Protein backbone atom coordinates (compact mmCIF):
# COMPACT_ATOMS: atom_id res chain seq x y z
CA UNK A 1 6.13 -4.37 11.96
CA UNK A 2 2.71 -3.56 10.85
CA UNK A 3 0.34 -4.44 13.75
CA UNK A 4 -2.03 -6.85 13.74
CA UNK A 5 -5.08 -4.38 13.58
CA UNK A 6 -3.28 -2.78 9.85
CA UNK A 7 -3.27 -6.53 8.43
CA UNK A 8 -6.88 -7.26 9.80
CA UNK A 9 -7.78 -3.99 7.65
CA UNK A 10 -6.14 -4.51 4.14
CA UNK A 11 -7.11 -8.55 4.77
CA UNK A 12 -10.96 -7.07 5.51
CA UNK A 13 -9.89 -4.85 1.57
CA UNK A 14 -9.45 -7.82 0.27
CA UNK A 15 -12.10 -9.93 1.05
CA UNK A 16 -14.64 -7.18 -0.21
CA UNK A 17 -12.88 -7.20 -3.34
CA UNK A 18 -12.59 -10.68 -3.50
CA UNK A 19 -16.83 -11.05 -2.93
CA UNK A 20 -16.89 -8.24 -5.59
CA UNK A 21 -14.87 -10.60 -7.86
CA UNK A 22 -17.03 -13.50 -7.33
CA UNK A 23 -20.72 -11.33 -7.47
CA UNK A 24 -22.14 -13.55 -10.39
CA UNK A 25 -23.85 -10.34 -10.89
CA UNK A 26 -20.48 -8.64 -11.79
CA UNK A 27 -19.11 -8.70 -15.84
CA UNK A 28 -15.93 -10.74 -16.45
CA UNK A 29 -13.99 -7.21 -17.04
CA UNK A 30 -15.41 -5.64 -12.81
CA UNK A 31 -14.30 -9.41 -11.73
CA UNK A 32 -10.56 -8.87 -13.06
CA UNK A 33 -10.29 -5.39 -12.27
CA UNK A 34 -11.55 -6.76 -8.40
CA UNK A 35 -8.98 -9.61 -8.22
CA UNK A 36 -5.98 -7.17 -9.77
CA UNK A 37 -6.70 -4.21 -7.39
CA UNK A 38 -6.62 -7.28 -4.56
CA UNK A 39 -3.01 -8.34 -5.59
CA UNK A 40 -1.92 -4.98 -6.20
CA UNK A 41 -3.14 -3.91 -2.35
CA UNK A 42 -1.29 -7.66 -0.71
CA UNK A 43 1.89 -6.24 -2.86
CA UNK A 44 1.61 -2.71 -1.14
CA UNK A 45 1.18 -3.82 2.17
CA UNK A 46 4.27 -5.92 2.20
CA UNK A 47 6.55 -3.75 1.02
CA UNK A 48 5.30 -1.19 3.65
CA UNK A 49 5.52 -3.97 6.31
CA UNK A 50 9.10 -5.05 4.70
CA UNK A 51 10.65 -1.26 4.95
CA UNK A 52 9.20 -0.72 8.74
CA UNK A 53 11.11 -4.17 9.32
CA UNK A 54 14.00 -2.96 8.09
CA UNK A 55 13.84 0.29 9.47
CA UNK A 56 13.49 -1.41 12.90
CA UNK A 57 16.27 -3.77 12.44
CA UNK A 58 14.13 -6.31 12.69
CA UNK A 59 13.30 -9.89 11.03
CA UNK A 60 10.23 -11.14 10.36
CA UNK A 61 9.17 -14.61 11.64
CA UNK A 62 8.26 -17.49 9.38
CA UNK A 63 4.86 -18.76 10.11
CA UNK A 64 3.27 -22.16 8.58
CA UNK A 65 -0.33 -22.43 7.90
CA UNK A 66 -1.61 -26.03 7.32
CA UNK A 67 -4.72 -26.19 5.22
CA UNK A 68 -6.33 -30.18 5.61
CA UNK A 69 -8.17 -31.14 2.43
CA UNK A 70 -11.24 -33.35 2.12
CA UNK A 71 -10.73 -37.33 1.80
CA UNK A 72 -10.91 -38.58 -1.74
CA UNK A 73 -10.97 -35.83 -3.49
CA UNK A 74 -9.34 -36.39 -6.71
CA UNK A 75 -9.09 -31.97 -7.77
CA UNK A 76 -6.45 -31.99 -4.35
CA UNK A 77 -3.46 -32.01 -6.72
CA UNK A 78 -4.46 -29.80 -8.73
CA UNK A 79 -5.31 -27.49 -5.25
CA UNK A 80 -1.73 -28.57 -4.35
CA UNK A 81 -0.55 -26.79 -7.69
CA UNK A 82 -2.18 -24.19 -7.48
CA UNK A 83 -1.88 -22.88 -3.59
CA UNK A 84 2.11 -23.20 -4.81
CA UNK A 85 1.42 -20.62 -7.67
CA UNK A 86 -0.65 -18.18 -6.02
CA UNK A 87 2.27 -18.70 -2.76
CA UNK A 88 4.75 -18.19 -5.01
CA UNK A 89 3.70 -14.72 -6.07
CA UNK A 90 3.20 -13.33 -3.16
CA UNK A 91 6.43 -14.35 -1.45
CA UNK A 92 5.32 -17.31 0.37
CA UNK A 93 6.49 -20.98 -0.38
CA UNK A 94 4.28 -24.49 0.44
CA UNK A 95 4.84 -28.10 0.96
CA UNK A 96 2.17 -31.26 0.70
CA UNK A 97 1.59 -34.47 3.05
CA UNK A 98 0.22 -37.27 1.45
CA UNK A 99 -0.40 -41.00 2.81
CA UNK A 100 -0.93 -44.12 1.24
CA UNK A 101 -3.65 -45.92 0.78
CA UNK A 102 -4.74 -49.73 1.38
CA UNK A 103 -4.40 -49.72 -2.92
CA UNK A 104 -0.75 -48.49 -2.40
CA UNK A 105 -2.21 -44.85 -4.24
CA UNK A 106 -1.51 -42.04 -2.75
CA UNK A 107 -3.86 -39.76 -1.30
CA UNK A 108 -3.03 -35.90 -0.68
CA UNK A 109 -4.13 -34.59 2.83
CA UNK A 110 -3.23 -31.11 3.20
CA UNK A 111 -1.36 -28.01 1.85
CA UNK A 112 0.81 -26.12 4.59
CA UNK A 113 1.92 -22.11 3.32
CA UNK A 114 4.97 -20.71 4.88
CA UNK A 115 6.23 -17.15 5.11
CA UNK A 116 5.28 -13.79 6.71
CA UNK A 117 2.23 -13.94 8.50
CA UNK A 118 1.08 -11.07 6.56
CA UNK A 119 2.16 -13.13 3.17
CA UNK A 120 1.01 -16.49 3.83
CA UNK A 121 -2.65 -15.02 5.03
CA UNK A 122 -2.74 -13.10 2.20
CA UNK A 123 -2.05 -15.98 -0.32
CA UNK A 124 -3.86 -18.52 1.36
CA UNK A 125 -7.41 -15.77 1.16
CA UNK A 126 -6.52 -15.78 -2.54
CA UNK A 127 -6.16 -19.16 -3.06
CA UNK A 128 -9.54 -19.68 -1.08
CA UNK A 129 -10.97 -17.30 -3.57
CA UNK A 130 -9.86 -19.01 -6.50
CA UNK A 131 -10.17 -22.52 -5.66
CA UNK A 132 -13.98 -21.79 -4.90
CA UNK A 133 -14.24 -19.85 -8.53
CA UNK A 134 -12.76 -22.63 -10.36
CA UNK A 135 -14.82 -25.06 -8.65
CA UNK A 136 -18.01 -23.78 -9.94
CA UNK A 137 -16.56 -22.92 -12.99
CA UNK A 138 -15.94 -26.52 -14.32
CA UNK A 139 -19.59 -27.48 -13.93
CA UNK A 140 -20.72 -24.11 -15.62
CA UNK A 141 -18.32 -24.90 -18.49
CA UNK A 142 -19.28 -28.37 -18.91
CA UNK A 143 -23.24 -27.42 -19.02
CA UNK A 144 -22.67 -24.82 -21.43
CA UNK A 145 -20.17 -26.56 -23.83
CA UNK A 146 -23.45 -29.76 -23.52
CA UNK A 147 -26.00 -27.11 -24.34
CA UNK A 148 -24.10 -25.59 -27.26
CA UNK A 149 -22.91 -29.20 -29.16
CA UNK A 150 -25.98 -31.59 -27.98
CA UNK A 151 -23.35 -34.04 -25.96
CA UNK A 152 -21.70 -34.33 -22.51
CA UNK A 153 -18.59 -35.12 -22.20
CA UNK A 154 -17.22 -37.63 -19.30
CA UNK A 155 -17.12 -34.96 -16.43
CA UNK A 156 -13.82 -36.47 -14.61
CA UNK A 157 -12.22 -35.91 -17.81
CA UNK A 158 -13.88 -32.40 -18.26
CA UNK A 159 -13.17 -31.15 -14.92
CA UNK A 160 -9.22 -32.75 -14.92
CA UNK A 161 -8.57 -30.57 -18.26
CA UNK A 162 -10.67 -27.43 -17.02
CA UNK A 163 -8.64 -27.20 -13.59
CA UNK A 164 -5.24 -27.75 -15.17
CA UNK A 165 -6.10 -25.34 -17.87
CA UNK A 166 -7.36 -23.33 -15.14
CA UNK A 167 -4.00 -22.58 -12.93
CA UNK A 168 -1.78 -22.73 -16.03
CA UNK A 169 -3.24 -19.66 -17.26
CA UNK A 170 -3.48 -18.33 -13.67
CA UNK A 171 0.46 -18.77 -13.11
CA UNK A 172 0.87 -16.93 -16.33
CA UNK A 173 -0.77 -13.88 -15.48
CA UNK A 174 0.45 -13.52 -11.78
CA UNK A 175 3.77 -13.70 -13.60
CA UNK A 176 3.16 -10.50 -15.63
CA UNK A 177 1.73 -8.66 -12.83
CA UNK A 178 4.51 -9.05 -10.42
CA UNK A 179 6.84 -8.48 -13.16
CA UNK A 180 5.54 -5.12 -13.01
CA UNK A 181 4.78 -4.77 -9.33
CA UNK A 182 8.66 -6.20 -8.80
CA UNK A 183 10.04 -3.31 -11.53
CA UNK A 184 10.32 -0.79 -8.11
CA UNK A 185 13.44 -1.03 -6.33
CA UNK A 186 11.65 -1.83 -2.92
CA UNK A 187 9.47 -4.59 -4.61
CA UNK A 188 12.90 -6.09 -6.12
CA UNK A 189 14.90 -5.72 -2.74
CA UNK A 190 11.46 -7.05 -1.19
CA UNK A 191 11.30 -10.23 -3.21
CA UNK A 192 14.96 -11.01 -2.92
CA UNK A 193 15.14 -10.45 1.22
CA UNK A 194 12.06 -12.77 1.29
CA UNK A 195 13.56 -15.41 -1.09
CA UNK A 196 16.87 -15.79 1.15
CA UNK A 197 15.19 -15.74 3.89
CA UNK A 198 12.82 -18.90 2.55
CA UNK A 199 15.24 -20.69 1.07
CA UNK A 200 17.02 -20.78 4.60
CA UNK A 201 13.82 -21.93 6.65
CA UNK A 202 13.15 -24.60 3.80
CA UNK A 203 15.99 -25.74 3.91
CA UNK A 204 16.43 -26.47 7.66
CA UNK A 205 13.21 -28.62 7.32
CA UNK A 206 13.11 -32.49 5.98
CA UNK A 207 11.07 -33.93 3.37
CA UNK A 208 10.19 -37.45 1.96
CA UNK A 209 12.16 -38.22 -1.01
CA UNK A 210 9.22 -40.23 -2.20
CA UNK A 211 6.87 -38.98 -5.23
CA UNK A 212 3.29 -39.53 -4.33
CA UNK A 213 1.88 -42.45 -6.50
CA UNK A 214 -1.40 -41.06 -7.97
CA UNK A 215 -3.89 -42.60 -10.09
CA UNK A 216 -3.27 -41.23 -13.81
CA UNK A 217 -6.03 -38.22 -14.91
CA UNK A 218 -7.35 -37.84 -18.38
CA UNK A 219 -7.90 -34.59 -19.38
CA UNK A 220 -10.60 -33.05 -21.75
CA UNK A 221 -8.60 -30.97 -23.79
CA UNK A 222 -11.89 -28.79 -25.03
CA UNK A 223 -12.27 -28.34 -21.54
CA UNK A 224 -8.77 -26.38 -21.46
CA UNK A 225 -10.09 -23.98 -23.29
CA UNK A 226 -12.60 -22.61 -20.82
CA UNK A 227 -10.50 -22.75 -18.47
CA UNK A 228 -8.15 -20.50 -19.84
CA UNK A 229 -10.88 -18.61 -20.62
CA UNK A 230 -12.16 -18.43 -16.72
CA UNK A 231 -8.82 -18.00 -15.52
CA UNK A 232 -8.09 -15.00 -17.88
CA UNK A 233 -11.43 -13.51 -15.79
CA UNK A 234 -10.40 -14.52 -12.69
CA UNK A 235 -9.30 -11.65 -10.08
CA UNK A 236 -5.62 -11.49 -9.60
CA UNK A 237 -2.50 -11.54 -12.60
CA UNK A 238 1.02 -12.85 -12.28
CA UNK A 239 4.43 -13.38 -14.98
CA UNK A 240 4.09 -15.07 -17.86
CA UNK A 241 6.01 -18.01 -18.23
CA UNK A 242 5.41 -20.91 -20.46
CA UNK A 243 3.05 -23.17 -20.03
CA UNK A 244 3.10 -26.37 -17.92
CA UNK A 245 1.61 -28.78 -20.17
CA UNK A 246 3.27 -31.85 -19.92
CA UNK A 247 5.16 -31.52 -16.74
CA UNK A 248 3.78 -33.00 -13.22
CA UNK A 249 0.73 -31.92 -11.87
CA UNK A 250 2.36 -31.79 -8.50
CA UNK A 251 5.45 -29.74 -9.14
CA UNK A 252 6.79 -27.11 -6.89
CA UNK A 253 5.69 -27.90 -3.49
CA UNK A 254 7.38 -30.57 -1.62
CA UNK A 255 6.48 -33.38 0.19
CA UNK A 256 6.13 -32.87 4.11
CA UNK A 257 4.46 -36.28 5.30
């Protein structure tokens, strides 16, 4: 197994690349290149760690990292979805927890990443960076649209439309990039090995069958154009899959109340 110092060095390089991508002075192309380099670096480290693991005859332990959300944040449902997209692109799984409020609506409380430690930490680092970018981007795009058109749409509708389109585009890009990265024999074997390990781990956990009762959210489809544009320039990249339009927002994760 790779030592903790090796993982910390890789994480520090990833953080520097993400900081470059988030720099307002960086061009869209520079930001996208930095995110993609970060994803490729994370993938190479995972293959190297897995090959050492195989040569030693060991199996890496699955760990969990829980991220608690601010109460009442309406974007928590979208954060859960993006976390699962990023997690799966980096050989991890997620599940979410919610509680029932007095109005009988469900409140998303947290998301938990599951996987080997290095994959979990890198997936969480990447997801956090993307959420910061998405949180700033929807407000910036709303102001941009208002200046261009002279009218200001509902901020809540705009935010929702932007968030959904952003994560759909990220999922498409991650699919493409991971398809390229997994094209090698080692890459495919790593993905299959981790998938088997995670499927077994998640299969042993008990999840509630109850679906969360969430308030219906109205979307601005005009905001979606800006969300996809910004996600296309976001440092990352994964496999092309059909857009999830029309599917439930909370898909992929499991309820682990």
